[in-house]
Amino acid sequence: MADFVINTDITTDTPTIEVTVNPDRPLPTGRHRFRLIVVDDAGNRSAADEVEMIIADQTAPTAVLNVPRIVAFGNSFNLDGSRSFDVGGGRIVQFVWTYLGPTTVIG
C-alpha cells in the first residue's frame, strides 16, 4: 500500500503496488498519469514507461424525494429532491419528475 503524492517517487522491491486512497482525499474524477522506472541489479535504470488512466464516477446517485404527507384538497404543494446525493463524487445536474397516478388500496 502506498499513499502517492504528485511527483514523489516510491521505491519497492516488488513488481506490484497498491495505490491507497484516503476516503477524505480521493483521487478526483478525470485522467491521471503514473510512471514506472525499473532498476536492475547492476544499477542500470530503464527508460520511463508512463500510462494514463481514468478515475470515473460509476456509482449511481441516490434520489431522495420529500413530499408533504397530507395536503388539503385543491391546494398546490412542492416535491423536493434537494436531499438527493451522489457518493461517487458527481453532482446532481438534473431531476426527472413523473406523476404515477393514484394509489390503489387493496383491502
PDB file of N, CA and C in Angstrom:
ATOM      1  N   MET A   1       0.848  -1.184   0.000  1.00  0.00           N
ATOM      2  CA  MET A   1       0.000   0.000   0.000  1.00  0.00           C
ATOM      3  C   MET A   1       0.886   1.238   0.000  1.00  0.00           C
ATOM      4  N   ALA A   2       0.445   2.233  -0.734  1.00  0.00           N
ATOM      5  CA  ALA A   2       1.223   3.460  -0.810  1.00  0.00           C
ATOM      6  C   ALA A   2       0.303   4.650  -0.985  1.00  0.00           C
ATOM      7  N   ASP A   3       0.614   5.702  -0.261  1.00  0.00           N
ATOM      8  CA  ASP A   3      -0.113   6.959  -0.396  1.00  0.00           C
ATOM      9  C   ASP A   3       0.686   7.814  -1.367  1.00  0.00           C
ATOM     10  N   PHE A   4       0.278   7.817  -2.626  1.00  0.00           N
ATOM     11  CA  PHE A   4       1.018   8.538  -3.656  1.00  0.00           C
ATOM     12  C   PHE A   4       0.828  10.049  -3.511  1.00  0.00           C
ATOM     13  N   VAL A   5       1.925  10.776  -3.678  1.00  0.00           N
ATOM     14  CA  VAL A   5       1.935  12.237  -3.683  1.00  0.00           C
ATOM     15  C   VAL A   5       2.494  12.651  -5.034  1.00  0.00           C
ATOM     16  N   ILE A   6       1.906  13.636  -5.678  1.00  0.00           N
ATOM     17  CA  ILE A   6       2.315  14.053  -7.024  1.00  0.00           C
ATOM     18  C   ILE A   6       3.811  14.331  -7.066  1.00  0.00           C
ATOM     19  N   ASN A   7       4.481  13.756  -8.075  1.00  0.00           N
ATOM     20  CA  ASN A   7       5.911  13.925  -8.361  1.00  0.00           C
ATOM     21  C   ASN A   7       6.834  13.460  -7.236  1.00  0.00           C
ATOM     22  N   THR A   8       6.380  12.515  -6.399  1.00  0.00           N
ATOM     23  CA  THR A   8       7.210  11.935  -5.346  1.00  0.00           C
ATOM     24  C   THR A   8       7.393  10.455  -5.631  1.00  0.00           C
ATOM     25  N   ASP A   9       8.655  10.019  -5.778  1.00  0.00           N
ATOM     26  CA  ASP A   9       8.951   8.616  -6.080  1.00  0.00           C
ATOM     27  C   ASP A   9       8.676   7.726  -4.876  1.00  0.00           C
ATOM     28  N   ILE A  10       8.199   6.521  -5.151  1.00  0.00           N
ATOM     29  CA  ILE A  10       8.062   5.462  -4.153  1.00  0.00           C
ATOM     30  C   ILE A  10       8.842   4.273  -4.697  1.00  0.00           C
ATOM     31  N   THR A  11       9.794   3.761  -3.916  1.00  0.00           N
ATOM     32  CA  THR A  11      10.643   2.657  -4.349  1.00  0.00           C
ATOM     33  C   THR A  11      10.251   1.381  -3.621  1.00  0.00           C
ATOM     34  N   THR A  12      10.092   0.289  -4.386  1.00  0.00           N
ATOM     35  CA  THR A  12       9.773  -1.014  -3.792  1.00  0.00           C
ATOM     36  C   THR A  12      10.680  -2.074  -4.396  1.00  0.00           C
ATOM     37  N   ASP A  13      10.715  -3.248  -3.776  1.00  0.00           N
ATOM     38  CA  ASP A  13      11.433  -4.378  -4.350  1.00  0.00           C
ATOM     39  C   ASP A  13      10.467  -5.436  -4.873  1.00  0.00           C
ATOM     40  N   THR A  14       9.193  -5.082  -4.989  1.00  0.00           N
ATOM     41  CA  THR A  14       8.156  -5.965  -5.523  1.00  0.00           C
ATOM     42  C   THR A  14       7.580  -5.351  -6.795  1.00  0.00           C
ATOM     43  N   PRO A  15       7.065  -6.188  -7.712  1.00  0.00           N
ATOM     44  CA  PRO A  15       6.601  -5.680  -9.003  1.00  0.00           C
ATOM     45  C   PRO A  15       5.192  -5.091  -8.996  1.00  0.00           C
ATOM     46  N   THR A  16       4.495  -5.114  -7.866  1.00  0.00           N
ATOM     47  CA  THR A  16       3.158  -4.514  -7.812  1.00  0.00           C
ATOM     48  C   THR A  16       3.070  -3.612  -6.591  1.00  0.00           C
ATOM     49  N   ILE A  17       2.164  -2.650  -6.648  1.00  0.00           N
ATOM     50  CA  ILE A  17       1.944  -1.737  -5.536  1.00  0.00           C
ATOM     51  C   ILE A  17       0.478  -1.322  -5.536  1.00  0.00           C
ATOM     52  N   GLU A  18      -0.106  -1.236  -4.371  1.00  0.00           N
ATOM     53  CA  GLU A  18      -1.489  -0.779  -4.245  1.00  0.00           C
ATOM     54  C   GLU A  18      -1.500   0.727  -4.036  1.00  0.00           C
ATOM     55  N   VAL A  19      -2.304   1.414  -4.814  1.00  0.00           N
ATOM     56  CA  VAL A  19      -2.489   2.856  -4.627  1.00  0.00           C
ATOM     57  C   VAL A  19      -3.547   3.021  -3.544  1.00  0.00           C
ATOM     58  N   THR A  20      -3.127   3.457  -2.382  1.00  0.00           N
ATOM     59  CA  THR A  20      -4.030   3.618  -1.250  1.00  0.00           C
ATOM     60  C   THR A  20      -4.775   4.943  -1.404  1.00  0.00           C
ATOM     61  N   VAL A  21      -6.093   4.878  -1.321  1.00  0.00           N
ATOM     62  CA  VAL A  21      -6.913   6.086  -1.469  1.00  0.00           C
ATOM     63  C   VAL A  21      -7.527   6.414  -0.125  1.00  0.00           C
ATOM     64  N   ASN A  22      -7.262   7.613   0.341  1.00  0.00           N
ATOM     65  CA  ASN A  22      -7.829   8.104   1.587  1.00  0.00           C
ATOM     66  C   ASN A  22      -9.256   8.573   1.302  1.00  0.00           C
ATOM     67  N   PRO A  23     -10.258   8.062   2.041  1.00  0.00           N
ATOM     68  CA  PRO A  23     -11.643   8.471   1.780  1.00  0.00           C
ATOM     69  C   PRO A  23     -11.868   9.979   1.917  1.00  0.00           C
ATOM     70  N   ASP A  24     -11.031  10.640   2.713  1.00  0.00           N
ATOM     71  CA  ASP A  24     -11.155  12.096   2.876  1.00  0.00           C
ATOM     72  C   ASP A  24     -10.495  12.854   1.730  1.00  0.00           C
ATOM     73  N   ARG A  25      -9.591  12.187   0.995  1.00  0.00           N
ATOM     74  CA  ARG A  25      -8.880  12.824  -0.117  1.00  0.00           C
ATOM     75  C   ARG A  25      -8.782  11.866  -1.303  1.00  0.00           C
ATOM     76  N   PRO A  26      -9.903  11.435  -1.871  1.00  0.00           N
ATOM     77  CA  PRO A  26      -9.823  10.501  -3.004  1.00  0.00           C
ATOM     78  C   PRO A  26      -9.248  11.200  -4.235  1.00  0.00           C
ATOM     79  N   LEU A  27      -8.699  10.400  -5.135  1.00  0.00           N
ATOM     80  CA  LEU A  27      -8.275  10.978  -6.409  1.00  0.00           C
ATOM     81  C   LEU A  27      -9.515  11.515  -7.102  1.00  0.00           C
ATOM     82  N   PRO A  28      -9.466  12.725  -7.623  1.00  0.00           N
ATOM     83  CA  PRO A  28     -10.648  13.276  -8.290  1.00  0.00           C
ATOM     84  C   PRO A  28     -10.934  12.543  -9.597  1.00  0.00           C
ATOM     85  N   THR A  29     -12.174  12.620 -10.046  1.00  0.00           N
ATOM     86  CA  THR A  29     -12.517  12.014 -11.326  1.00  0.00           C
ATOM     87  C   THR A  29     -11.726  12.713 -12.427  1.00  0.00           C
ATOM     88  N   GLY A  30     -11.416  11.956 -13.444  1.00  0.00           N
ATOM     89  CA  GLY A  30     -10.662  12.510 -14.567  1.00  0.00           C
ATOM     90  C   GLY A  30      -9.450  11.656 -14.896  1.00  0.00           C
ATOM     91  N   ARG A  31      -8.573  12.193 -15.728  1.00  0.00           N
ATOM     92  CA  ARG A  31      -7.394  11.467 -16.204  1.00  0.00           C
ATOM     93  C   ARG A  31      -6.229  11.665 -15.234  1.00  0.00           C
ATOM     94  N   HIS A  32      -5.487  10.569 -14.997  1.00  0.00           N
ATOM     95  CA  HIS A  32      -4.326  10.601 -14.113  1.00  0.00           C
ATOM     96  C   HIS A  32      -3.195   9.824 -14.772  1.00  0.00           C
ATOM     97  N   ARG A  33      -1.950  10.264 -14.539  1.00  0.00           N
ATOM     98  CA  ARG A  33      -0.786   9.602 -15.130  1.00  0.00           C
ATOM     99  C   ARG A  33       0.079   8.980 -14.036  1.00  0.00           C
ATOM    100  N   PHE A  34       0.619   7.812 -14.349  1.00  0.00           N
ATOM    101  CA  PHE A  34       1.577   7.129 -13.482  1.00  0.00           C
ATOM    102  C   PHE A  34       2.796   6.762 -14.315  1.00  0.00           C
ATOM    103  N   ARG A  35       3.962   6.710 -13.656  1.00  0.00           N
ATOM    104  CA  ARG A  35       5.213   6.391 -14.347  1.00  0.00           C
ATOM    105  C   ARG A  35       5.926   5.272 -13.594  1.00  0.00           C
ATOM    106  N   LEU A  36       6.589   4.392 -14.348  1.00  0.00           N
ATOM    107  CA  LEU A  36       7.407   3.322 -13.769  1.00  0.00           C
ATOM    108  C   LEU A  36       8.791   3.354 -14.402  1.00  0.00           C
ATOM    109  N   ILE A  37       9.814   3.302 -13.553  1.00  0.00           N
ATOM    110  CA  ILE A  37      11.200   3.099 -13.965  1.00  0.00           C
ATOM    111  C   ILE A  37      11.692   1.900 -13.177  1.00  0.00           C
ATOM    112  N   VAL A  38      12.355   0.962 -13.845  1.00  0.00           N
ATOM    113  CA  VAL A  38      12.913  -0.193 -13.143  1.00  0.00           C
ATOM    114  C   VAL A  38      14.432  -0.117 -13.169  1.00  0.00           C
ATOM    115  N   VAL A  39      15.045  -0.716 -12.136  1.00  0.00           N
ATOM    116  CA  VAL A  39      16.499  -0.701 -11.984  1.00  0.00           C
ATOM    117  C   VAL A  39      16.963  -2.144 -11.826  1.00  0.00           C
ATOM    118  N   ASP A  40      17.974  -2.541 -12.606  1.00  0.00           N
ATOM    119  CA  ASP A  40      18.475  -3.912 -12.472  1.00  0.00           C
ATOM    120  C   ASP A  40      19.545  -4.005 -11.384  1.00  0.00           C
ATOM    121  N   ASP A  41      20.032  -5.246 -11.145  1.00  0.00           N
ATOM    122  CA  ASP A  41      20.978  -5.464 -10.049  1.00  0.00           C
ATOM    123  C   ASP A  41      22.348  -4.837 -10.288  1.00  0.00           C
ATOM    124  N   ALA A  42      22.592  -4.337 -11.510  1.00  0.00           N
ATOM    125  CA  ALA A  42      23.830  -3.611 -11.802  1.00  0.00           C
ATOM    126  C   ALA A  42      23.642  -2.100 -11.638  1.00  0.00           C
ATOM    127  N   GLY A  43      22.409  -1.670 -11.279  1.00  0.00           N
ATOM    128  CA  GLY A  43      22.140  -0.245 -11.102  1.00  0.00           C
ATOM    129  C   GLY A  43      21.716   0.478 -12.361  1.00  0.00           C
ATOM    130  N   ASN A  44      21.503  -0.256 -13.439  1.00  0.00           N
ATOM    131  CA  ASN A  44      21.048   0.351 -14.699  1.00  0.00           C
ATOM    132  C   ASN A  44      19.570   0.701 -14.605  1.00  0.00           C
ATOM    133  N   ARG A  45      19.231   1.932 -15.009  1.00  0.00           N
ATOM    134  CA  ARG A  45      17.837   2.404 -14.966  1.00  0.00           C
ATOM    135  C   ARG A  45      17.214   2.315 -16.359  1.00  0.00           C
ATOM    136  N   SER A  46      15.951   1.875 -16.397  1.00  0.00           N
ATOM    137  CA  SER A  46      15.212   1.799 -17.662  1.00  0.00           C
ATOM    138  C   SER A  46      14.738   3.189 -18.070  1.00  0.00           C
ATOM    139  N   ALA A  47      14.298   3.267 -19.303  1.00  0.00           N
ATOM    140  CA  ALA A  47      13.547   4.453 -19.721  1.00  0.00           C
ATOM    141  C   ALA A  47      12.199   4.393 -18.997  1.00  0.00           C
ATOM    142  N   ALA A  48      11.612   5.531 -18.784  1.00  0.00           N
ATOM    143  CA  ALA A  48      10.323   5.591 -18.086  1.00  0.00           C
ATOM    144  C   ALA A  48       9.206   5.073 -18.979  1.00  0.00           C
ATOM    145  N   ASP A  49       8.280   4.334 -18.372  1.00  0.00           N
ATOM    146  CA  ASP A  49       7.040   3.934 -19.043  1.00  0.00           C
ATOM    147  C   ASP A  49       5.919   4.670 -18.336  1.00  0.00           C
ATOM    148  N   GLU A  50       5.160   5.458 -19.075  1.00  0.00           N
ATOM    149  CA  GLU A  50       4.073   6.227 -18.484  1.00  0.00           C
ATOM    150  C   GLU A  50       2.744   5.762 -19.051  1.00  0.00           C
ATOM    151  N   VAL A  51       1.737   5.707 -18.166  1.00  0.00           N
ATOM    152  CA  VAL A  51       0.388   5.334 -18.586  1.00  0.00           C
ATOM    153  C   VAL A  51      -0.592   6.382 -18.070  1.00  0.00           C
ATOM    154  N   GLU A  52      -1.702   6.472 -18.765  1.00  0.00           N
ATOM    155  CA  GLU A  52      -2.786   7.353 -18.347  1.00  0.00           C
ATOM    156  C   GLU A  52      -3.996   6.492 -18.044  1.00  0.00           C
ATOM    157  N   MET A  53      -4.629   6.755 -16.911  1.00  0.00           N
ATOM    158  CA  MET A  53      -5.838   6.012 -16.550  1.00  0.00           C
ATOM    159  C   MET A  53      -6.913   7.016 -16.153  1.00  0.00           C
ATOM    160  N   ILE A  54      -8.127   6.526 -16.094  1.00  0.00           N
ATOM    161  CA  ILE A  54      -9.259   7.404 -15.814  1.00  0.00           C
ATOM    162  C   ILE A  54      -9.925   6.975 -14.516  1.00  0.00           C
ATOM    163  N   ILE A  55     -10.122   7.929 -13.612  1.00  0.00           N
ATOM    164  CA  ILE A  55     -10.951   7.717 -12.430  1.00  0.00           C
ATOM    165  C   ILE A  55     -12.352   8.167 -12.836  1.00  0.00           C
ATOM    166  N   ALA A  56     -13.311   7.234 -12.798  1.00  0.00           N
ATOM    167  CA  ALA A  56     -14.667   7.525 -13.268  1.00  0.00           C
ATOM    168  C   ALA A  56     -15.674   7.327 -12.137  1.00  0.00           C
ATOM    169  N   ASP A  57     -16.662   8.163 -12.123  1.00  0.00           N
ATOM    170  CA  ASP A  57     -17.788   8.009 -11.199  1.00  0.00           C
ATOM    171  C   ASP A  57     -18.696   6.945 -11.785  1.00  0.00           C
ATOM    172  N   GLN A  58     -18.698   5.750 -11.200  1.00  0.00           N
ATOM    173  CA  GLN A  58     -19.516   4.655 -11.711  1.00  0.00           C
ATOM    174  C   GLN A  58     -20.587   4.247 -10.712  1.00  0.00           C
ATOM    175  N   THR A  59     -20.827   5.092  -9.728  1.00  0.00           N
ATOM    176  CA  THR A  59     -21.839   4.818  -8.728  1.00  0.00           C
ATOM    177  C   THR A  59     -23.081   5.649  -9.047  1.00  0.00           C
ATOM    178  N   ALA A  60     -24.221   4.999  -9.127  1.00  0.00           N
ATOM    179  CA  ALA A  60     -25.471   5.707  -9.416  1.00  0.00           C
ATOM    180  C   ALA A  60     -25.811   6.635  -8.245  1.00  0.00           C
ATOM    181  N   PRO A  61     -26.350   7.805  -8.532  1.00  0.00           N
ATOM    182  CA  PRO A  61     -26.771   8.691  -7.449  1.00  0.00           C
ATOM    183  C   PRO A  61     -27.998   8.122  -6.729  1.00  0.00           C
ATOM    184  N   THR A  62     -28.298   8.691  -5.598  1.00  0.00           N
ATOM    185  CA  THR A  62     -29.456   8.288  -4.807  1.00  0.00           C
ATOM    186  C   THR A  62     -30.488   9.406  -4.833  1.00  0.00           C
ATOM    187  N   ALA A  63     -31.692   9.087  -5.282  1.00  0.00           N
ATOM    188  CA  ALA A  63     -32.789  10.054  -5.293  1.00  0.00           C
ATOM    189  C   ALA A  63     -33.481  10.019  -3.932  1.00  0.00           C
ATOM    190  N   VAL A  64     -33.691  11.194  -3.353  1.00  0.00           N
ATOM    191  CA  VAL A  64     -34.429  11.320  -2.103  1.00  0.00           C
ATOM    192  C   VAL A  64     -35.547  12.313  -2.364  1.00  0.00           C
ATOM    193  N   LEU A  65     -36.784  11.835  -2.339  1.00  0.00           N
ATOM    194  CA  LEU A  65     -37.943  12.672  -2.644  1.00  0.00           C
ATOM    195  C   LEU A  65     -38.714  12.955  -1.362  1.00  0.00           C
ATOM    196  N   ASN A  66     -38.805  14.226  -1.019  1.00  0.00           N
ATOM    197  CA  ASN A  66     -39.583  14.655   0.149  1.00  0.00           C
ATOM    198  C   ASN A  66     -40.874  15.297  -0.333  1.00  0.00           C
ATOM    199  N   VAL A  67     -41.985  14.898   0.298  1.00  0.00           N
ATOM    200  CA  VAL A  67     -43.300  15.436  -0.017  1.00  0.00           C
ATOM    201  C   VAL A  67     -44.073  15.591   1.279  1.00  0.00           C
ATOM    202  N   PRO A  68     -45.043  16.500   1.308  1.00  0.00           N
ATOM    203  CA  PRO A  68     -45.899  16.541   2.496  1.00  0.00           C
ATOM    204  C   PRO A  68     -46.759  15.273   2.529  1.00  0.00           C
ATOM    205  N   ARG A  69     -47.010  14.730   3.691  1.00  0.00           N
ATOM    206  CA  ARG A  69     -47.797  13.503   3.802  1.00  0.00           C
ATOM    207  C   ARG A  69     -49.284  13.758   3.574  1.00  0.00           C
ATOM    208  N   ILE A  70     -49.743  14.936   3.924  1.00  0.00           N
ATOM    209  CA  ILE A  70     -51.158  15.282   3.726  1.00  0.00           C
ATOM    210  C   ILE A  70     -51.225  16.694   3.150  1.00  0.00           C
ATOM    211  N   VAL A  71     -52.064  16.853   2.124  1.00  0.00           N
ATOM    212  CA  VAL A  71     -52.289  18.162   1.510  1.00  0.00           C
ATOM    213  C   VAL A  71     -53.800  18.362   1.419  1.00  0.00           C
ATOM    214  N   ALA A  72     -54.274  19.532   1.798  1.00  0.00           N
ATOM    215  CA  ALA A  72     -55.702  19.833   1.713  1.00  0.00           C
ATOM    216  C   ALA A  72     -56.161  19.795   0.256  1.00  0.00           C
ATOM    217  N   PHE A  73     -57.359  19.271   0.041  1.00  0.00           N
ATOM    218  CA  PHE A  73     -57.948  19.167  -1.289  1.00  0.00           C
ATOM    219  C   PHE A  73     -57.919  20.529  -1.984  1.00  0.00           C
ATOM    220  N   GLY A  74     -57.444  20.553  -3.232  1.00  0.00           N
ATOM    221  CA  GLY A  74     -57.434  21.774  -4.029  1.00  0.00           C
ATOM    222  C   GLY A  74     -56.197  22.632  -3.830  1.00  0.00           C
ATOM    223  N   ASN A  75     -55.282  22.251  -2.931  1.00  0.00           N
ATOM    224  CA  ASN A  75     -54.076  23.054  -2.676  1.00  0.00           C
ATOM    225  C   ASN A  75     -52.885  22.527  -3.471  1.00  0.00           C
ATOM    226  N   SER A  76     -52.041  23.447  -3.888  1.00  0.00           N
ATOM    227  CA  SER A  76     -50.780  23.072  -4.533  1.00  0.00           C
ATOM    228  C   SER A  76     -49.779  22.638  -3.467  1.00  0.00           C
ATOM    229  N   PHE A  77     -48.738  21.973  -3.900  1.00  0.00           N
ATOM    230  CA  PHE A  77     -47.689  21.543  -2.961  1.00  0.00           C
ATOM    231  C   PHE A  77     -46.380  21.357  -3.731  1.00  0.00           C
ATOM    232  N   ASN A  78     -45.279  21.239  -3.007  1.00  0.00           N
ATOM    233  CA  ASN A  78     -43.961  21.079  -3.619  1.00  0.00           C
ATOM    234  C   ASN A  78     -43.446  19.660  -3.464  1.00  0.00           C
ATOM    235  N   LEU A  79     -42.804  19.175  -4.501  1.00  0.00           N
ATOM    236  CA  LEU A  79     -41.979  17.977  -4.429  1.00  0.00           C
ATOM    237  C   LEU A  79     -40.547  18.486  -4.261  1.00  0.00           C
ATOM    238  N   ASP A  80     -39.765  17.862  -3.389  1.00  0.00           N
ATOM    239  CA  ASP A  80     -38.432  18.368  -3.073  1.00  0.00           C
ATOM    240  C   ASP A  80     -37.404  17.255  -3.216  1.00  0.00           C
ATOM    241  N   GLY A  81     -36.479  17.406  -4.160  1.00  0.00           N
ATOM    242  CA  GLY A  81     -35.415  16.430  -4.366  1.00  0.00           C
ATOM    243  C   GLY A  81     -34.064  16.935  -3.922  1.00  0.00           C
ATOM    244  N   SER A  82     -34.022  17.989  -3.123  1.00  0.00           N
ATOM    245  CA  SER A  82     -32.753  18.625  -2.758  1.00  0.00           C
ATOM    246  C   SER A  82     -31.863  17.777  -1.861  1.00  0.00           C
ATOM    247  N   ARG A  83     -32.394  16.741  -1.236  1.00  0.00           N
ATOM    248  CA  ARG A  83     -31.570  15.873  -0.391  1.00  0.00           C
ATOM    249  C   ARG A  83     -30.984  14.696  -1.169  1.00  0.00           C
ATOM    250  N   SER A  84     -31.210  14.658  -2.482  1.00  0.00           N
ATOM    251  CA  SER A  84     -30.607  13.625  -3.328  1.00  0.00           C
ATOM    252  C   SER A  84     -29.094  13.841  -3.350  1.00  0.00           C
ATOM    253  N   PHE A  85     -28.344  12.762  -3.555  1.00  0.00           N
ATOM    254  CA  PHE A  85     -26.882  12.889  -3.479  1.00  0.00           C
ATOM    255  C   PHE A  85     -26.195  11.842  -4.357  1.00  0.00           C
ATOM    256  N   ASP A  86     -24.899  12.053  -4.592  1.00  0.00           N
ATOM    257  CA  ASP A  86     -24.083  11.131  -5.369  1.00  0.00           C
ATOM    258  C   ASP A  86     -22.797  10.857  -4.600  1.00  0.00           C
ATOM    259  N   VAL A  87     -22.691   9.679  -3.992  1.00  0.00           N
ATOM    260  CA  VAL A  87     -21.494   9.334  -3.217  1.00  0.00           C
ATOM    261  C   VAL A  87     -20.299   9.051  -4.123  1.00  0.00           C
ATOM    262  N   GLY A  88     -20.523   8.910  -5.411  1.00  0.00           N
ATOM    263  CA  GLY A  88     -19.438   8.628  -6.342  1.00  0.00           C
ATOM    264  C   GLY A  88     -18.625   9.844  -6.728  1.00  0.00           C
ATOM    265  N   GLY A  89     -18.913  10.981  -6.142  1.00  0.00           N
ATOM    266  CA  GLY A  89     -18.133  12.177  -6.430  1.00  0.00           C
ATOM    267  C   GLY A  89     -18.767  13.113  -7.442  1.00  0.00           C
ATOM    268  N   GLY A  90     -19.848  12.686  -8.057  1.00  0.00           N
ATOM    269  CA  GLY A  90     -20.516  13.562  -9.025  1.00  0.00           C
ATOM    270  C   GLY A  90     -21.440  14.541  -8.331  1.00  0.00           C
ATOM    271  N   ARG A  91     -22.063  15.373  -9.115  1.00  0.00           N
ATOM    272  CA  ARG A  91     -23.067  16.290  -8.567  1.00  0.00           C
ATOM    273  C   ARG A  91     -24.343  16.124  -9.366  1.00  0.00           C
ATOM    274  N   ILE A  92     -25.456  16.276  -8.701  1.00  0.00           N
ATOM    275  CA  ILE A  92     -26.759  16.125  -9.345  1.00  0.00           C
ATOM    276  C   ILE A  92     -26.974  17.327 -10.267  1.00  0.00           C
ATOM    277  N   VAL A  93     -27.264  17.055 -11.535  1.00  0.00           N
ATOM    278  CA  VAL A  93     -27.441  18.136 -12.506  1.00  0.00           C
ATOM    279  C   VAL A  93     -28.813  18.126 -13.160  1.00  0.00           C
ATOM    280  N   GLN A  94     -29.624  17.092 -12.871  1.00  0.00           N
ATOM    281  CA  GLN A  94     -30.943  17.035 -13.499  1.00  0.00           C
ATOM    282  C   GLN A  94     -31.889  16.230 -12.612  1.00  0.00           C
ATOM    283  N   PHE A  95     -33.123  16.656 -12.579  1.00  0.00           N
ATOM    284  CA  PHE A  95     -34.175  15.974 -11.824  1.00  0.00           C
ATOM    285  C   PHE A  95     -35.279  15.627 -12.815  1.00  0.00           C
ATOM    286  N   VAL A  96     -35.702  14.367 -12.840  1.00  0.00           N
ATOM    287  CA  VAL A  96     -36.750  13.908 -13.760  1.00  0.00           C
ATOM    288  C   VAL A  96     -37.961  13.536 -12.908  1.00  0.00           C
ATOM    289  N   TRP A  97     -39.039  14.305 -13.042  1.00  0.00           N
ATOM    290  CA  TRP A  97     -40.235  14.140 -12.216  1.00  0.00           C
ATOM    291  C   TRP A  97     -41.315  13.429 -13.020  1.00  0.00           C
ATOM    292  N   THR A  98     -42.025  12.483 -12.400  1.00  0.00           N
ATOM    293  CA  THR A  98     -43.110  11.765 -13.067  1.00  0.00           C
ATOM    294  C   THR A  98     -44.263  11.558 -12.100  1.00  0.00           C
ATOM    295  N   TYR A  99     -45.461  11.898 -12.527  1.00  0.00           N
ATOM    296  CA  TYR A  99     -46.668  11.584 -11.736  1.00  0.00           C
ATOM    297  C   TYR A  99     -47.119  10.194 -12.156  1.00  0.00           C
ATOM    298  N   LEU A 100     -47.219   9.283 -11.194  1.00  0.00           N
ATOM    299  CA  LEU A 100     -47.557   7.884 -11.484  1.00  0.00           C
ATOM    300  C   LEU A 100     -49.026   7.562 -11.262  1.00  0.00           C
ATOM    301  N   GLY A 101     -49.836   8.546 -10.899  1.00  0.00           N
ATOM    302  CA  GLY A 101     -51.263   8.326 -10.736  1.00  0.00           C
ATOM    303  C   GLY A 101     -51.647   7.960  -9.308  1.00  0.00           C
ATOM    304  N   PRO A 102     -52.949   7.801  -9.066  1.00  0.00           N
ATOM    305  CA  PRO A 102     -53.406   7.496  -7.715  1.00  0.00           C
ATOM    306  C   PRO A 102     -53.001   6.088  -7.293  1.00  0.00           C
ATOM    307  N   THR A 103     -52.835   5.933  -5.987  1.00  0.00           N
ATOM    308  CA  THR A 103     -52.514   4.638  -5.418  1.00  0.00           C
ATOM    309  C   THR A 103     -53.787   3.835  -5.250  1.00  0.00           C
ATOM    310  N   THR A 104     -53.743   2.562  -5.616  1.00  0.00           N
ATOM    311  CA  THR A 104     -54.892   1.682  -5.422  1.00  0.00           C
ATOM    312  C   THR A 104     -54.730   0.969  -4.098  1.00  0.00           C
ATOM    313  N   VAL A 105     -55.736   1.094  -3.252  1.00  0.00           N
ATOM    314  CA  VAL A 105     -55.707   0.442  -1.952  1.00  0.00           C
ATOM    315  C   VAL A 105     -56.452  -0.868  -2.051  1.00  0.00           C
ATOM    316  N   ILE A 106     -55.740  -1.944  -1.745  1.00  0.00           N
ATOM    317  CA  ILE A 106     -56.375  -3.268  -1.754  1.00  0.00           C
ATOM    318  C   ILE A 106     -56.602  -3.662  -0.305  1.00  0.00           C
ATOM    319  N   GLY A 107     -57.797  -3.946   0.043  1.00  0.00           N
ATOM    320  CA  GLY A 107     -58.046  -4.185   1.440  1.00  0.00           C
ATOM    321  C   GLY A 107     -58.916  -5.307   1.665  1.00  0.00           C
TER     322      GLY A 107
END
